[in-house]
């Protein structure tokens, strides 16, 4: 392994993203964090301090993302871990879904992963070391009414990462996916008791997961303990769907 410990994380200010950042920060990684707004970037800076790196990027804007990734790739050619966590939803039934809703979710959740990995991968290949982790979702396998765009993007991630895993396996680079189920975040806090109970009845463990459940697995997949694991999709859903 390289002696460097630097991780690139998108969606760093969300519930799961914050837990992932904290896990790496507490294990002495240098953080290269991406947030979608200047306000979120400032909050991250206040939380993790001056010794880490912060970027405000609208990853739904392809041109901006490409330009900023060139900059990050040049300034941080020693990134050893990539965590693509950022994602959005713009829900609607397929017959009502606007083209903008479809394109925006696909660009943010799927296309951005292609651009980010393609930008940072050459540095990993030259150093013959890297860990790449993407965040998909339980609905990538189950489907979900009103979320055809989101489900398509998250299903696409699984195929993308498996394909890249094949391509770089001999270069000492591991590529894996984590698919969360229902995790306790601000989104689940907005559900009423009836909605929560309907969901919980579908989960054998009868509870929501915590952001730390995802962060712990992401960190494991970035460590030497996972060196013989690649091209896998790990489901963290309390048994909601079993494979």
Protein backbone atom coordinates (compact mmCIF):
# COMPACT_ATOMS: atom_id res chain seq x y z
CA UNK A 1 0.00 0.00 0.00
CA UNK A 2 1.00 3.60 -0.54
CA UNK A 3 1.86 5.50 2.64
CA UNK A 4 -0.50 8.25 1.58
CA UNK A 5 -3.95 8.40 3.11
CA UNK A 6 -6.09 10.81 1.12
CA UNK A 7 -9.76 10.28 0.28
CA UNK A 8 -12.01 12.06 -2.21
CA UNK A 9 -15.69 12.18 -1.15
CA UNK A 10 -18.72 13.65 -2.94
CA UNK A 11 -21.99 14.46 -1.20
CA UNK A 12 -19.87 15.15 1.87
CA UNK A 13 -22.42 17.23 3.79
CA UNK A 14 -25.40 14.82 3.73
CA UNK A 15 -26.36 12.37 6.46
CA UNK A 16 -24.46 9.41 5.03
CA UNK A 17 -21.76 11.65 3.57
CA UNK A 18 -21.05 13.26 6.94
CA UNK A 19 -20.68 9.86 8.60
CA UNK A 20 -18.28 8.73 5.88
CA UNK A 21 -16.20 11.91 6.26
CA UNK A 22 -16.04 11.48 10.04
CA UNK A 23 -14.93 7.85 9.71
CA UNK A 24 -11.99 8.75 7.46
CA UNK A 25 -11.15 11.89 9.46
CA UNK A 26 -11.01 9.88 12.68
CA UNK A 27 -8.63 7.45 10.97
CA UNK A 28 -6.20 10.23 10.02
CA UNK A 29 -7.03 10.55 6.32
CA UNK A 30 -6.62 13.83 4.50
CA UNK A 31 -10.05 14.75 3.13
CA UNK A 32 -10.82 16.15 -0.32
CA UNK A 33 -14.50 17.01 0.00
CA UNK A 34 -17.07 18.09 -2.56
CA UNK A 35 -20.25 19.95 -1.61
CA UNK A 36 -23.00 21.26 -3.85
CA UNK A 37 -23.14 24.79 -2.39
CA UNK A 38 -20.77 27.34 -0.91
CA UNK A 39 -22.74 27.25 2.35
CA UNK A 40 -22.26 23.49 2.68
CA UNK A 41 -18.58 23.85 1.81
CA UNK A 42 -18.12 26.40 4.61
CA UNK A 43 -19.85 24.07 7.11
CA UNK A 44 -17.46 21.27 6.14
CA UNK A 45 -14.50 23.61 6.51
CA UNK A 46 -15.66 24.66 9.97
CA UNK A 47 -16.09 21.01 10.96
CA UNK A 48 -12.88 19.47 9.60
CA UNK A 49 -10.50 22.44 9.65
CA UNK A 50 -7.77 23.98 7.53
CA UNK A 51 -5.69 20.84 6.97
CA UNK A 52 -8.24 19.34 4.56
CA UNK A 53 -9.51 20.43 1.14
CA UNK A 54 -12.93 21.65 0.07
CA UNK A 55 -14.57 22.21 -3.31
CA UNK A 56 -17.96 23.57 -4.29
CA UNK A 57 -19.09 21.75 -7.44
CA UNK A 58 -22.50 21.45 -9.02
CA UNK A 59 -22.01 17.91 -10.27
CA UNK A 60 -25.23 18.14 -12.28
CA UNK A 61 -23.31 20.61 -14.46
CA UNK A 62 -21.14 18.39 -16.68
CA UNK A 63 -18.87 21.17 -17.93
CA UNK A 64 -18.17 22.50 -14.43
CA UNK A 65 -17.53 19.00 -13.11
CA UNK A 66 -15.04 18.18 -15.88
CA UNK A 67 -13.16 21.45 -15.34
CA UNK A 68 -12.97 21.07 -11.56
CA UNK A 69 -11.96 17.42 -11.75
CA UNK A 70 -8.99 18.36 -13.96
CA UNK A 71 -7.97 20.79 -11.23
CA UNK A 72 -8.44 18.25 -8.43
CA UNK A 73 -6.61 15.52 -10.34
CA UNK A 74 -3.65 17.84 -10.79
CA UNK A 75 -3.60 19.23 -7.23
CA UNK A 76 -4.23 15.87 -5.56
CA UNK A 77 -2.52 13.19 -7.64
CA UNK A 78 -2.05 11.19 -4.44
CA UNK A 79 -5.74 10.41 -3.79
CA UNK A 80 -5.88 6.73 -2.86
CA UNK A 81 -9.62 6.37 -2.14
CA UNK A 82 -12.64 7.62 -4.10
CA UNK A 83 -16.10 7.61 -2.50
CA UNK A 84 -18.85 8.68 -4.88
CA UNK A 85 -21.73 9.34 -2.50
CA UNK A 86 -23.58 12.33 -3.98
CA UNK A 87 -27.09 11.77 -5.28
CA UNK A 88 -30.41 13.52 -5.82
CA UNK A 89 -34.04 12.55 -6.38
CA UNK A 90 -36.61 14.19 -8.66
CA UNK A 91 -39.53 11.81 -8.32
CA UNK A 92 -42.47 11.46 -10.66
CA UNK A 93 -44.50 8.77 -12.35
CA UNK A 94 -43.03 7.94 -15.76
CA UNK A 95 -46.00 9.41 -17.65
CA UNK A 96 -45.54 12.72 -15.83
CA UNK A 97 -41.76 12.78 -15.66
CA UNK A 98 -40.20 15.71 -17.47
CA UNK A 99 -37.07 15.20 -19.57
CA UNK A 100 -35.23 17.63 -17.28
CA UNK A 101 -36.06 15.46 -14.26
CA UNK A 102 -34.68 12.40 -16.01
CA UNK A 103 -31.49 14.05 -17.31
CA UNK A 104 -30.67 15.87 -14.08
CA UNK A 105 -30.85 12.71 -11.95
CA UNK A 106 -28.90 10.60 -14.46
CA UNK A 107 -26.16 13.26 -14.75
CA UNK A 108 -25.87 13.78 -10.98
CA UNK A 109 -26.13 10.16 -9.86
CA UNK A 110 -24.53 8.24 -12.74
CA UNK A 111 -22.71 10.38 -15.31
CA UNK A 112 -20.77 12.19 -12.57
CA UNK A 113 -19.28 8.87 -11.44
CA UNK A 114 -17.95 8.24 -14.94
CA UNK A 115 -16.37 11.71 -15.10
CA UNK A 116 -14.87 11.55 -11.60
CA UNK A 117 -13.43 8.06 -11.94
CA UNK A 118 -12.03 8.76 -15.41
CA UNK A 119 -10.35 11.90 -14.04
CA UNK A 120 -8.75 10.32 -10.95
CA UNK A 121 -8.08 6.78 -12.18
CA UNK A 122 -4.89 7.54 -14.19
CA UNK A 123 -3.14 8.66 -10.98
CA UNK A 124 -4.18 5.43 -9.25
CA UNK A 125 -2.96 3.35 -12.16
CA UNK A 126 0.43 5.09 -12.16
CA UNK A 127 0.77 4.39 -8.43
CA UNK A 128 -0.61 0.84 -8.80
CA UNK A 129 -2.99 1.34 -5.90
CA UNK A 130 -6.55 2.52 -5.33
CA UNK A 131 -9.93 1.89 -3.75
CA UNK A 132 -13.09 3.10 -5.47
CA UNK A 133 -16.46 2.88 -3.71
CA UNK A 134 -19.81 3.95 -5.10
CA UNK A 135 -23.10 4.36 -3.23
CA UNK A 136 -26.11 2.79 -4.95
CA UNK A 137 -29.44 1.87 -3.28
CA UNK A 138 -31.69 -1.06 -2.41
CA UNK A 139 -34.16 0.21 -5.01
CA UNK A 140 -31.58 -0.43 -7.75
CA UNK A 141 -32.61 -4.07 -7.39
CA UNK A 142 -36.22 -3.82 -6.20
CA UNK A 143 -37.38 -0.90 -8.34
CA UNK A 144 -39.60 1.81 -6.87
CA UNK A 145 -42.73 3.46 -8.32
CA UNK A 146 -42.25 7.13 -9.10
CA UNK A 147 -38.47 6.81 -9.16
CA UNK A 148 -37.65 5.39 -12.59
CA UNK A 149 -34.92 8.02 -13.08
CA UNK A 150 -33.35 7.44 -9.64
CA UNK A 151 -33.57 3.64 -9.94
CA UNK A 152 -32.07 3.71 -13.43
CA UNK A 153 -29.15 5.82 -12.19
CA UNK A 154 -28.50 3.56 -9.19
CA UNK A 155 -28.81 0.36 -11.26
CA UNK A 156 -26.45 1.87 -13.81
CA UNK A 157 -23.86 2.43 -11.09
CA UNK A 158 -23.73 -1.28 -10.33
CA UNK A 159 -23.02 -2.15 -13.96
CA UNK A 160 -20.51 0.67 -14.29
CA UNK A 161 -18.52 -0.33 -11.21
CA UNK A 162 -18.49 -4.03 -12.05
CA UNK A 163 -17.16 -3.22 -15.51
CA UNK A 164 -14.44 -0.91 -14.19
CA UNK A 165 -13.53 -3.54 -11.57
CA UNK A 166 -12.80 -5.98 -14.42
CA UNK A 167 -10.66 -3.41 -16.23
CA UNK A 168 -8.41 -2.43 -13.31
CA UNK A 169 -8.27 -5.63 -11.22
CA UNK A 170 -4.70 -6.38 -12.31
CA UNK A 171 -3.62 -2.83 -11.44
CA UNK A 172 -4.15 -3.35 -7.69
CA UNK A 173 -7.30 -1.21 -7.71
CA UNK A 174 -10.47 -2.43 -6.00
CA UNK A 175 -13.87 -1.21 -7.15
CA UNK A 176 -17.04 -1.92 -5.16
CA UNK A 177 -20.59 -0.70 -4.53
CA UNK A 178 -22.53 -0.22 -1.29
CA UNK A 179 -26.34 -0.28 -1.57
CA UNK A 180 -28.06 1.18 1.51
CA UNK A 181 -31.63 0.38 2.45
CA UNK A 182 -33.59 2.78 4.64
CA UNK A 183 -31.06 4.75 6.69
CA UNK A 184 -32.03 7.17 9.46
CA UNK A 185 -31.37 10.62 7.98
CA UNK A 186 -33.28 13.89 7.59
CA UNK A 187 -35.21 12.21 4.75
CA UNK A 188 -36.59 9.41 6.95
CA UNK A 189 -37.23 11.92 9.75
CA UNK A 190 -39.75 13.60 7.43
CA UNK A 191 -41.90 10.44 7.25
CA UNK A 192 -44.98 10.24 9.46
CA UNK A 193 -45.54 7.30 11.83
CA UNK A 194 -47.83 5.45 9.41
CA UNK A 195 -45.24 5.69 6.61
CA UNK A 196 -42.44 4.61 8.96
CA UNK A 197 -44.41 1.59 10.17
CA UNK A 198 -45.23 0.54 6.59
CA UNK A 199 -41.51 0.55 5.76
CA UNK A 200 -40.45 -1.13 9.00
CA UNK A 201 -42.89 -3.98 8.37
CA UNK A 202 -40.87 -4.80 5.23
CA UNK A 203 -37.56 -4.92 7.12
CA UNK A 204 -36.91 -8.20 9.01
CA UNK A 205 -34.72 -6.38 11.56
CA UNK A 206 -37.64 -3.94 12.10
CA UNK A 207 -35.42 -0.87 12.31
CA UNK A 208 -33.79 1.76 10.14
CA UNK A 209 -30.05 1.68 9.64
CA UNK A 210 -27.72 4.44 10.80
CA UNK A 211 -25.33 6.44 8.60
CA UNK A 212 -22.47 4.84 10.54
CA UNK A 213 -23.56 1.40 9.22
CA UNK A 214 -22.74 2.63 5.72
CA UNK A 215 -19.60 4.52 6.75
CA UNK A 216 -18.17 1.46 8.49
CA UNK A 217 -18.54 -0.68 5.37
CA UNK A 218 -17.18 2.04 3.09
CA UNK A 219 -14.14 2.35 5.33
CA UNK A 220 -13.62 -1.42 5.36
CA UNK A 221 -13.71 -1.46 1.55
CA UNK A 222 -11.03 1.25 1.53
CA UNK A 223 -8.73 -0.71 3.83
CA UNK A 224 -6.15 -3.45 3.38
CA UNK A 225 -8.65 -5.87 4.94
CA UNK A 226 -10.63 -5.79 1.67
CA UNK A 227 -7.73 -6.39 -0.74
CA UNK A 228 -9.26 -9.54 -2.26
CA UNK A 229 -12.72 -8.02 -2.76
CA UNK A 230 -13.67 -6.29 -6.00
CA UNK A 231 -16.66 -5.93 -8.31
CA UNK A 232 -19.13 -6.58 -5.50
CA UNK A 233 -22.41 -4.91 -4.53
CA UNK A 234 -22.91 -4.93 -0.75
CA UNK A 235 -26.50 -4.59 0.45
CA UNK A 236 -26.99 -2.91 3.84
CA UNK A 237 -30.73 -3.03 4.38
CA UNK A 238 -31.62 -4.97 7.54
CA UNK A 239 -32.69 -7.95 5.43
CA UNK A 240 -35.25 -5.96 3.39
CA UNK A 241 -34.00 -7.74 0.29
CA UNK A 242 -31.83 -10.85 0.58
CA UNK A 243 -29.77 -12.28 -2.26
